[in-house]
Amino acid sequence: MSRSKQMWRELGHAARDAAKEGALESARAAYFSVYDRGFDKAAQTCLGVLSDATEELLARMKSGNLSKQEQALYARLTELTAEMDERLRNAYQEDPTRDALPQPSGAHTDQPTRLL
């Protein structure tokens, strides 16, 4: 094969590889976008349930109609809300899905693939 044909062939392979990596990066971005939206919605739902229960008890506490047992429940719900919030933030930062899609050949696997 002539030098010219070999160079054109190599350029064609390089262009194909670049297009393939671009498509993978695009798929990865779409995947993380869906993951982020789903995670945020689930986190808001979890915290919303606890927040609703806490707010109801807080309103009753302000009016002076909260028994000792309900005060203890309010304190526990407040603790659970803080713990849930911390765990959700940690789970989001761990990003367990990072390896779900192949990384481009030039990607550094020790660096995050998206912004938080």
N, C-alpha and C. Protein backbone atom coordinates (compact mmCIF):
# COMPACT_ATOMS: atom_id res chain seq x y z
N MET A 1 0.85 -1.16 0.00
CA MET A 1 0.00 0.00 0.00
C MET A 1 0.90 1.23 0.00
N SER A 2 0.53 2.21 -0.76
CA SER A 2 1.36 3.41 -0.85
C SER A 2 1.27 4.22 0.43
N ARG A 3 2.26 5.03 0.63
CA ARG A 3 2.33 5.88 1.83
C ARG A 3 1.11 6.79 1.93
N SER A 4 0.67 7.32 0.82
CA SER A 4 -0.49 8.21 0.77
C SER A 4 -1.77 7.49 1.20
N LYS A 5 -1.97 6.29 0.65
CA LYS A 5 -3.16 5.51 1.02
C LYS A 5 -3.14 5.15 2.51
N GLN A 6 -1.98 4.80 3.01
CA GLN A 6 -1.85 4.43 4.42
C GLN A 6 -2.17 5.64 5.30
N MET A 7 -1.70 6.82 4.91
CA MET A 7 -1.98 8.03 5.69
C MET A 7 -3.47 8.33 5.69
N TRP A 8 -4.13 8.21 4.52
CA TRP A 8 -5.57 8.45 4.45
C TRP A 8 -6.34 7.43 5.28
N ARG A 9 -5.88 6.21 5.26
CA ARG A 9 -6.53 5.16 6.05
C ARG A 9 -6.42 5.47 7.55
N GLU A 10 -5.24 5.88 7.98
CA GLU A 10 -5.03 6.23 9.39
C GLU A 10 -5.86 7.43 9.79
N LEU A 11 -5.96 8.41 8.90
CA LEU A 11 -6.82 9.57 9.18
C LEU A 11 -8.28 9.15 9.30
N GLY A 12 -8.70 8.25 8.45
CA GLY A 12 -10.07 7.73 8.53
C GLY A 12 -10.34 7.02 9.85
N HIS A 13 -9.39 6.20 10.29
CA HIS A 13 -9.53 5.51 11.57
C HIS A 13 -9.58 6.52 12.73
N ALA A 14 -8.73 7.53 12.66
CA ALA A 14 -8.71 8.55 13.71
C ALA A 14 -10.04 9.30 13.77
N ALA A 15 -10.58 9.64 12.61
CA ALA A 15 -11.87 10.34 12.56
C ALA A 15 -12.98 9.46 13.11
N ARG A 16 -12.97 8.18 12.75
CA ARG A 16 -13.98 7.25 13.24
C ARG A 16 -13.89 7.11 14.76
N ASP A 17 -12.65 6.98 15.28
CA ASP A 17 -12.46 6.85 16.73
C ASP A 17 -12.92 8.11 17.46
N ALA A 18 -12.63 9.28 16.89
CA ALA A 18 -13.06 10.54 17.51
C ALA A 18 -14.58 10.63 17.54
N ALA A 19 -15.23 10.22 16.46
CA ALA A 19 -16.70 10.25 16.42
C ALA A 19 -17.29 9.27 17.43
N LYS A 20 -16.66 8.11 17.55
CA LYS A 20 -17.13 7.11 18.52
C LYS A 20 -17.01 7.64 19.95
N GLU A 21 -15.87 8.25 20.27
CA GLU A 21 -15.69 8.80 21.61
C GLU A 21 -16.66 9.95 21.88
N GLY A 22 -16.92 10.76 20.85
CA GLY A 22 -17.89 11.84 20.99
C GLY A 22 -19.29 11.31 21.28
N ALA A 23 -19.66 10.25 20.60
CA ALA A 23 -20.97 9.64 20.83
C ALA A 23 -21.06 9.05 22.24
N LEU A 24 -19.98 8.40 22.68
CA LEU A 24 -19.97 7.86 24.05
C LEU A 24 -20.07 8.96 25.08
N GLU A 25 -19.37 10.06 24.87
CA GLU A 25 -19.43 11.18 25.81
C GLU A 25 -20.83 11.78 25.85
N SER A 26 -21.47 11.88 24.71
CA SER A 26 -22.83 12.38 24.64
C SER A 26 -23.80 11.45 25.38
N ALA A 27 -23.64 10.15 25.18
CA ALA A 27 -24.49 9.18 25.89
C ALA A 27 -24.24 9.25 27.38
N ARG A 28 -23.00 9.40 27.78
CA ARG A 28 -22.64 9.50 29.20
C ARG A 28 -23.28 10.74 29.83
N ALA A 29 -23.23 11.87 29.13
CA ALA A 29 -23.82 13.11 29.63
C ALA A 29 -25.33 12.96 29.80
N ALA A 30 -25.99 12.33 28.83
CA ALA A 30 -27.43 12.11 28.93
C ALA A 30 -27.75 11.18 30.09
N TYR A 31 -26.95 10.14 30.26
CA TYR A 31 -27.15 9.17 31.35
C TYR A 31 -27.04 9.87 32.70
N PHE A 32 -26.00 10.68 32.89
CA PHE A 32 -25.82 11.38 34.16
C PHE A 32 -26.90 12.41 34.40
N SER A 33 -27.40 13.02 33.35
CA SER A 33 -28.49 13.98 33.49
C SER A 33 -29.74 13.29 34.03
N VAL A 34 -30.06 12.15 33.47
CA VAL A 34 -31.23 11.38 33.94
C VAL A 34 -30.99 10.89 35.37
N TYR A 35 -29.79 10.40 35.64
CA TYR A 35 -29.43 9.94 36.99
C TYR A 35 -29.58 11.08 38.00
N ASP A 36 -29.06 12.25 37.66
CA ASP A 36 -29.14 13.39 38.57
C ASP A 36 -30.59 13.78 38.86
N ARG A 37 -31.40 13.85 37.82
CA ARG A 37 -32.82 14.23 38.03
C ARG A 37 -33.54 13.20 38.90
N GLY A 38 -33.30 11.92 38.64
CA GLY A 38 -33.94 10.88 39.44
C GLY A 38 -33.47 10.90 40.88
N PHE A 39 -32.17 11.07 41.08
CA PHE A 39 -31.63 11.11 42.43
C PHE A 39 -32.21 12.30 43.19
N ASP A 40 -32.22 13.47 42.56
CA ASP A 40 -32.75 14.67 43.21
C ASP A 40 -34.22 14.49 43.59
N LYS A 41 -35.00 13.91 42.68
CA LYS A 41 -36.43 13.71 42.96
C LYS A 41 -36.62 12.74 44.13
N ALA A 42 -35.87 11.66 44.15
CA ALA A 42 -35.97 10.70 45.25
C ALA A 42 -35.53 11.32 46.57
N ALA A 43 -34.45 12.09 46.54
CA ALA A 43 -33.96 12.75 47.76
C ALA A 43 -34.99 13.74 48.28
N GLN A 44 -35.57 14.52 47.40
CA GLN A 44 -36.60 15.49 47.81
C GLN A 44 -37.81 14.79 48.39
N THR A 45 -38.18 13.66 47.82
CA THR A 45 -39.32 12.90 48.33
C THR A 45 -39.04 12.40 49.75
N CYS A 46 -37.87 11.81 49.96
CA CYS A 46 -37.49 11.29 51.28
C CYS A 46 -37.48 12.40 52.32
N LEU A 47 -36.80 13.48 52.00
CA LEU A 47 -36.71 14.59 52.95
C LEU A 47 -38.06 15.28 53.14
N GLY A 48 -38.87 15.30 52.08
CA GLY A 48 -40.20 15.92 52.18
C GLY A 48 -41.12 15.20 53.14
N VAL A 49 -41.07 13.88 53.14
CA VAL A 49 -41.90 13.09 54.07
C VAL A 49 -41.53 13.43 55.51
N LEU A 50 -40.23 13.43 55.79
CA LEU A 50 -39.78 13.76 57.14
C LEU A 50 -40.08 15.21 57.50
N SER A 51 -39.90 16.09 56.55
CA SER A 51 -40.16 17.51 56.79
C SER A 51 -41.63 17.78 57.08
N ASP A 52 -42.51 17.13 56.34
CA ASP A 52 -43.95 17.31 56.57
C ASP A 52 -44.33 16.89 57.98
N ALA A 53 -43.83 15.75 58.42
CA ALA A 53 -44.14 15.26 59.76
C ALA A 53 -43.56 16.20 60.83
N THR A 54 -42.35 16.68 60.60
CA THR A 54 -41.71 17.57 61.56
C THR A 54 -42.44 18.90 61.64
N GLU A 55 -42.82 19.46 60.50
CA GLU A 55 -43.52 20.75 60.47
C GLU A 55 -44.87 20.67 61.18
N GLU A 56 -45.55 19.56 61.02
CA GLU A 56 -46.85 19.38 61.69
C GLU A 56 -46.66 19.40 63.21
N LEU A 57 -45.67 18.67 63.67
CA LEU A 57 -45.39 18.66 65.11
C LEU A 57 -44.90 20.01 65.61
N LEU A 58 -44.10 20.71 64.81
CA LEU A 58 -43.60 22.03 65.19
C LEU A 58 -44.75 23.03 65.33
N ALA A 59 -45.70 22.97 64.41
CA ALA A 59 -46.87 23.86 64.49
C ALA A 59 -47.66 23.59 65.76
N ARG A 60 -47.80 22.34 66.10
CA ARG A 60 -48.52 22.00 67.33
C ARG A 60 -47.72 22.40 68.56
N MET A 61 -46.40 22.32 68.47
CA MET A 61 -45.54 22.70 69.59
C MET A 61 -45.66 24.20 69.86
N LYS A 62 -45.73 25.00 68.81
CA LYS A 62 -45.85 26.46 68.94
C LYS A 62 -47.15 26.85 69.61
N SER A 63 -48.19 26.07 69.41
CA SER A 63 -49.48 26.37 70.04
C SER A 63 -49.57 25.79 71.44
N GLY A 64 -48.53 25.06 71.86
CA GLY A 64 -48.48 24.53 73.21
C GLY A 64 -49.24 23.22 73.39
N ASN A 65 -49.61 22.55 72.33
CA ASN A 65 -50.40 21.33 72.40
C ASN A 65 -49.59 20.08 72.06
N LEU A 66 -48.36 19.97 72.54
CA LEU A 66 -47.53 18.83 72.21
C LEU A 66 -47.17 18.08 73.49
N SER A 67 -47.55 16.81 73.52
CA SER A 67 -47.25 15.98 74.69
C SER A 67 -45.76 15.68 74.75
N LYS A 68 -45.31 15.15 75.88
CA LYS A 68 -43.89 14.79 76.04
C LYS A 68 -43.50 13.73 74.99
N GLN A 69 -44.39 12.78 74.75
CA GLN A 69 -44.12 11.75 73.76
C GLN A 69 -43.98 12.36 72.37
N GLU A 70 -44.83 13.31 72.03
CA GLU A 70 -44.75 13.97 70.73
C GLU A 70 -43.51 14.85 70.63
N GLN A 71 -43.08 15.43 71.75
CA GLN A 71 -41.84 16.21 71.76
C GLN A 71 -40.65 15.30 71.46
N ALA A 72 -40.65 14.13 72.04
CA ALA A 72 -39.59 13.16 71.78
C ALA A 72 -39.63 12.73 70.31
N LEU A 73 -40.83 12.55 69.76
CA LEU A 73 -40.97 12.19 68.35
C LEU A 73 -40.43 13.31 67.47
N TYR A 74 -40.75 14.55 67.83
CA TYR A 74 -40.25 15.70 67.06
C TYR A 74 -38.72 15.72 67.06
N ALA A 75 -38.13 15.50 68.23
CA ALA A 75 -36.67 15.49 68.32
C ALA A 75 -36.08 14.38 67.45
N ARG A 76 -36.68 13.22 67.49
CA ARG A 76 -36.17 12.09 66.70
C ARG A 76 -36.33 12.35 65.20
N LEU A 77 -37.45 12.91 64.80
CA LEU A 77 -37.66 13.23 63.39
C LEU A 77 -36.64 14.26 62.90
N THR A 78 -36.32 15.22 63.75
CA THR A 78 -35.31 16.22 63.40
C THR A 78 -33.95 15.55 63.21
N GLU A 79 -33.60 14.62 64.10
CA GLU A 79 -32.35 13.88 63.97
C GLU A 79 -32.34 13.04 62.69
N LEU A 80 -33.44 12.37 62.42
CA LEU A 80 -33.53 11.54 61.21
C LEU A 80 -33.42 12.37 59.94
N THR A 81 -34.02 13.56 59.95
CA THR A 81 -33.94 14.44 58.79
C THR A 81 -32.49 14.84 58.52
N ALA A 82 -31.77 15.21 59.57
CA ALA A 82 -30.36 15.59 59.41
C ALA A 82 -29.53 14.39 58.94
N GLU A 83 -29.78 13.22 59.50
CA GLU A 83 -29.04 12.02 59.10
C GLU A 83 -29.35 11.64 57.65
N MET A 84 -30.62 11.70 57.29
CA MET A 84 -31.03 11.39 55.92
C MET A 84 -30.38 12.35 54.94
N ASP A 85 -30.37 13.64 55.27
CA ASP A 85 -29.77 14.65 54.41
C ASP A 85 -28.27 14.36 54.21
N GLU A 86 -27.58 14.04 55.29
CA GLU A 86 -26.15 13.74 55.21
C GLU A 86 -25.89 12.49 54.36
N ARG A 87 -26.66 11.45 54.58
CA ARG A 87 -26.46 10.22 53.81
C ARG A 87 -26.76 10.42 52.33
N LEU A 88 -27.79 11.19 52.03
CA LEU A 88 -28.11 11.46 50.63
C LEU A 88 -27.00 12.26 49.96
N ARG A 89 -26.47 13.24 50.66
CA ARG A 89 -25.36 14.03 50.09
C ARG A 89 -24.14 13.15 49.85
N ASN A 90 -23.84 12.26 50.82
CA ASN A 90 -22.69 11.36 50.65
C ASN A 90 -22.91 10.38 49.51
N ALA A 91 -24.12 9.86 49.39
CA ALA A 91 -24.43 8.92 48.31
C ALA A 91 -24.30 9.60 46.96
N TYR A 92 -24.72 10.84 46.87
CA TYR A 92 -24.63 11.58 45.61
C TYR A 92 -23.17 11.84 45.25
N GLN A 93 -22.36 12.17 46.24
CA GLN A 93 -20.95 12.46 45.99
C GLN A 93 -20.17 11.21 45.61
N GLU A 94 -20.57 10.05 46.14
CA GLU A 94 -19.89 8.80 45.81
C GLU A 94 -20.10 8.43 44.35
N ASP A 95 -21.25 8.81 43.79
CA ASP A 95 -21.57 8.57 42.39
C ASP A 95 -21.31 7.12 41.97
N PRO A 96 -22.12 6.19 42.48
CA PRO A 96 -21.89 4.78 42.19
C PRO A 96 -22.05 4.41 40.72
N THR A 97 -22.59 5.29 39.91
CA THR A 97 -22.83 4.97 38.51
C THR A 97 -21.68 5.38 37.60
N ARG A 98 -20.61 5.93 38.16
CA ARG A 98 -19.53 6.47 37.34
C ARG A 98 -18.96 5.43 36.37
N ASP A 99 -18.93 4.18 36.77
CA ASP A 99 -18.36 3.15 35.92
C ASP A 99 -19.42 2.44 35.08
N ALA A 100 -20.64 2.95 35.07
CA ALA A 100 -21.71 2.29 34.33
C ALA A 100 -21.49 2.36 32.82
N LEU A 101 -20.85 3.41 32.36
CA LEU A 101 -20.58 3.55 30.94
C LEU A 101 -19.07 3.57 30.73
N PRO A 102 -18.59 3.08 29.61
CA PRO A 102 -17.15 3.10 29.36
C PRO A 102 -16.63 4.52 29.27
N GLN A 103 -15.43 4.74 29.79
CA GLN A 103 -14.78 6.04 29.72
C GLN A 103 -14.09 6.18 28.37
N PRO A 104 -14.01 7.41 27.83
CA PRO A 104 -13.24 7.61 26.60
C PRO A 104 -11.79 7.22 26.85
N SER A 105 -11.09 6.84 25.80
CA SER A 105 -9.72 6.35 25.96
C SER A 105 -8.80 7.39 26.58
N GLY A 106 -9.09 8.68 26.41
CA GLY A 106 -8.24 9.72 26.97
C GLY A 106 -8.68 10.19 28.34
N ALA A 107 -9.74 9.61 28.92
CA ALA A 107 -10.27 10.07 30.19
C ALA A 107 -9.41 9.61 31.35
N HIS A 108 -9.38 10.43 32.38
CA HIS A 108 -8.69 10.08 33.61
C HIS A 108 -9.73 9.52 34.58
N THR A 109 -9.63 8.28 34.96
CA THR A 109 -10.66 7.64 35.78
C THR A 109 -10.65 8.12 37.22
N ASP A 110 -9.56 8.79 37.67
CA ASP A 110 -9.54 9.26 39.04
C ASP A 110 -10.17 10.64 39.17
N GLN A 111 -10.58 11.25 38.06
CA GLN A 111 -11.20 12.55 38.12
C GLN A 111 -12.70 12.40 37.95
N PRO A 112 -13.49 13.30 38.57
CA PRO A 112 -14.95 13.21 38.42
C PRO A 112 -15.37 13.42 36.97
N THR A 113 -16.44 12.77 36.59
CA THR A 113 -16.92 12.89 35.22
C THR A 113 -18.02 13.93 35.08
N ARG A 114 -18.44 14.53 36.18
CA ARG A 114 -19.47 15.57 36.11
C ARG A 114 -19.32 16.49 37.30
N LEU A 115 -19.94 17.65 37.19
CA LEU A 115 -19.91 18.61 38.28
C LEU A 115 -21.04 18.32 39.24
N LEU A 116 -20.81 18.56 40.50
CA LEU A 116 -21.87 18.37 41.50
C LEU A 116 -22.64 19.64 41.70
